[in-house]
C-alpha atoms as a PDB file:
ATOM      1  CA  MET A   1       2.481  11.453   5.776  1.00  0.00           C
ATOM      2  CA  SER A   2       1.171   8.895   3.566  1.00  0.00           C
ATOM      3  CA  PRO A   3       3.652   6.584   1.651  1.00  0.00           C
ATOM      4  CA  LEU A   4       1.085   7.447  -1.221  1.00  0.00           C
ATOM      5  CA  ALA A   5       1.582  10.939  -1.042  1.00  0.00           C
ATOM      6  CA  THR A   6       5.746  11.193  -1.018  1.00  0.00           C
ATOM      7  CA  ASN A   7       5.045  11.133  -5.302  1.00  0.00           C
ATOM      8  CA  ASP A   8       4.484  14.560  -5.867  1.00  0.00           C
ATOM      9  CA  SER A   9       2.808  13.626  -9.703  1.00  0.00           C
ATOM     10  CA  ALA A  10       0.638  11.630  -7.697  1.00  0.00           C
ATOM     11  CA  LYS A  11      -0.924  14.592  -5.130  1.00  0.00           C
ATOM     12  CA  ARG A  12      -1.053  16.816  -7.958  1.00  0.00           C
ATOM     13  CA  ALA A  13      -3.025  14.130 -10.617  1.00  0.00           C
ATOM     14  CA  MET A  14      -5.296  12.482  -7.057  1.00  0.00           C
ATOM     15  CA  GLY A  15      -4.986  15.346  -4.399  1.00  0.00           C
ATOM     16  CA  ASP A  16      -4.150  14.809  -0.741  1.00  0.00           C
ATOM     17  CA  ASP A  17      -8.226  13.854   0.316  1.00  0.00           C
ATOM     18  CA  LYS A  18      -8.007  10.868  -2.101  1.00  0.00           C
ATOM     19  CA  LEU A  19      -4.804  10.111  -1.011  1.00  0.00           C
ATOM     20  CA  LYS A  20      -5.833   9.893   2.766  1.00  0.00           C
ATOM     21  CA  VAL A  21      -9.044   7.713   1.841  1.00  0.00           C
ATOM     22  CA  ILE A  22      -6.326   5.127  -0.201  1.00  0.00           C
ATOM     23  CA  ALA A  23      -3.763   5.135   2.393  1.00  0.00           C
ATOM     24  CA  ALA A  24      -6.815   5.077   5.599  1.00  0.00           C
ATOM     25  CA  GLU A  25      -7.793   1.126   3.345  1.00  0.00           C
ATOM     26  CA  LEU A  26      -4.404  -0.161   2.773  1.00  0.00           C
ATOM     27  CA  ILE A  27      -3.911   0.256   6.203  1.00  0.00           C
ATOM     28  CA  THR A  28      -6.754  -1.582   7.307  1.00  0.00           C
ATOM     29  CA  GLN A  29      -6.746  -4.456   4.418  1.00  0.00           C
ATOM     30  CA  VAL A  30      -2.575  -5.265   4.992  1.00  0.00           C
ATOM     31  CA  ARG A  31      -2.958  -5.224   8.829  1.00  0.00           C
ATOM     32  CA  LYS A  32      -6.071  -7.792   8.371  1.00  0.00           C
ATOM     33  CA  SER A  33      -3.884  -9.511   5.451  1.00  0.00           C
ATOM     34  CA  VAL A  34      -0.393  -9.817   7.644  1.00  0.00           C
ATOM     35  CA  THR A  35       0.809 -13.492   9.411  1.00  0.00           C
ATOM     36  CA  ILE A  36       3.426 -13.929  11.460  1.00  0.00           C
ATOM     37  CA  ASP A  37       5.661 -14.778   8.379  1.00  0.00           C
ATOM     38  CA  TRP A  38       4.437 -13.242   5.752  1.00  0.00           C
ATOM     39  CA  THR A  39       7.894 -11.169   5.113  1.00  0.00           C
ATOM     40  CA  LEU A  40       9.294 -14.762   4.183  1.00  0.00           C
ATOM     41  CA  ARG A  41       6.551 -16.552   2.804  1.00  0.00           C
ATOM     42  CA  GLU A  42       6.540 -15.348  -1.405  1.00  0.00           C
ATOM     43  CA  SER A  43       2.866 -16.162  -1.615  1.00  0.00           C
ATOM     44  CA  ALA A  44       1.968 -14.650   1.241  1.00  0.00           C
ATOM     45  CA  ARG A  45       3.636 -11.941   0.002  1.00  0.00           C
ATOM     46  CA  ALA A  46       2.306 -11.601  -3.601  1.00  0.00           C
ATOM     47  CA  ARG A  47      -1.045 -12.137  -1.991  1.00  0.00           C
ATOM     48  CA  ILE A  48      -0.698  -8.441  -0.297  1.00  0.00           C
ATOM     49  CA  LYS A  49       1.240  -6.545  -3.524  1.00  0.00           C
ATOM     50  CA  VAL A  50      -2.209  -7.968  -5.310  1.00  0.00           C
ATOM     51  CA  MET A  51      -4.448  -6.477  -2.518  1.00  0.00           C
ATOM     52  CA  VAL A  52      -2.393  -3.317  -2.758  1.00  0.00           C
ATOM     53  CA  LYS A  53      -2.737  -3.343  -6.290  1.00  0.00           C
ATOM     54  CA  ARG A  54      -6.054  -3.598  -6.553  1.00  0.00           C
ATOM     55  CA  ILE A  55      -6.882  -0.597  -4.195  1.00  0.00           C
ATOM     56  CA  LEU A  56      -4.373   1.280  -6.184  1.00  0.00           C
ATOM     57  CA  ASN A  57      -6.405   0.451  -9.293  1.00  0.00           C
ATOM     58  CA  LYS A  58      -9.932   1.111  -7.174  1.00  0.00           C
ATOM     59  CA  TYR A  59      -9.022   4.703  -6.632  1.00  0.00           C
ATOM     60  CA  GLY A  60      -7.558   5.437  -9.980  1.00  0.00           C
ATOM     61  CA  TYR A  61      -4.124   5.740  -8.998  1.00  0.00           C
ATOM     62  CA  PRO A  62      -1.967   6.692 -11.608  1.00  0.00           C
ATOM     63  CA  PRO A  63      -0.655   3.514 -13.392  1.00  0.00           C
ATOM     64  CA  ASP A  64       2.658   4.327 -14.334  1.00  0.00           C
ATOM     65  CA  LEU A  65       3.507   5.081 -10.732  1.00  0.00           C
ATOM     66  CA  GLN A  66       1.934   1.918  -8.819  1.00  0.00           C
ATOM     67  CA  GLU A  67       4.828   0.089  -8.452  1.00  0.00           C
ATOM     68  CA  ASP A  68       6.847   2.497  -6.270  1.00  0.00           C
ATOM     69  CA  ALA A  69       3.441   3.029  -4.758  1.00  0.00           C
ATOM     70  CA  VAL A  70       3.325  -1.128  -3.795  1.00  0.00           C
ATOM     71  CA  LYS A  71       7.194  -1.322  -3.192  1.00  0.00           C
ATOM     72  CA  THR A  72       6.916   1.823  -0.797  1.00  0.00           C
ATOM     73  CA  VAL A  73       3.270   0.290   1.019  1.00  0.00           C
ATOM     74  CA  LEU A  74       4.842  -3.084   1.583  1.00  0.00           C
ATOM     75  CA  GLN A  75       8.657  -1.250   3.030  1.00  0.00           C
ATOM     76  CA  GLN A  76       6.021   0.319   5.191  1.00  0.00           C
ATOM     77  CA  ALA A  77       3.848  -2.956   6.469  1.00  0.00           C
ATOM     78  CA  GLU A  78       7.448  -4.377   6.817  1.00  0.00           C
ATOM     79  CA  LEU A  79       8.569  -1.925   9.340  1.00  0.00           C
ATOM     80  CA  LEU A  80       5.198  -2.061  11.313  1.00  0.00           C
ATOM     81  CA  CYS A  81       4.260  -5.427  10.797  1.00  0.00           C
ATOM     82  CA  ALA A  82       6.012  -6.517  14.133  1.00  0.00           C
ATOM     83  CA  GLU A  83       3.057  -4.303  15.991  1.00  0.00           C
ATOM     84  CA  TRP A  84       0.620  -5.699  13.858  1.00  0.00           C
ATOM     85  CA  VAL A  85       0.470  -9.186  14.406  1.00  0.00           C
END
């Protein structure tokens, strides 16, 4: 399940298919952006956070749900980034 789909109101507002498209783009872009020390460098983390917000805005993700979605995406990326770099 996509981290974005864990929020039921987002699923109702956007639908599973659109959330899958957003998740795929987030994975691609975050994977391109992570560096070995991105979790330690605030500037690198901030850059990724802005990128995630732009993608959510691009697809019309509900603004009131974005902060939780960004946190979830960053947490997921932290768990997976060891495999990416």
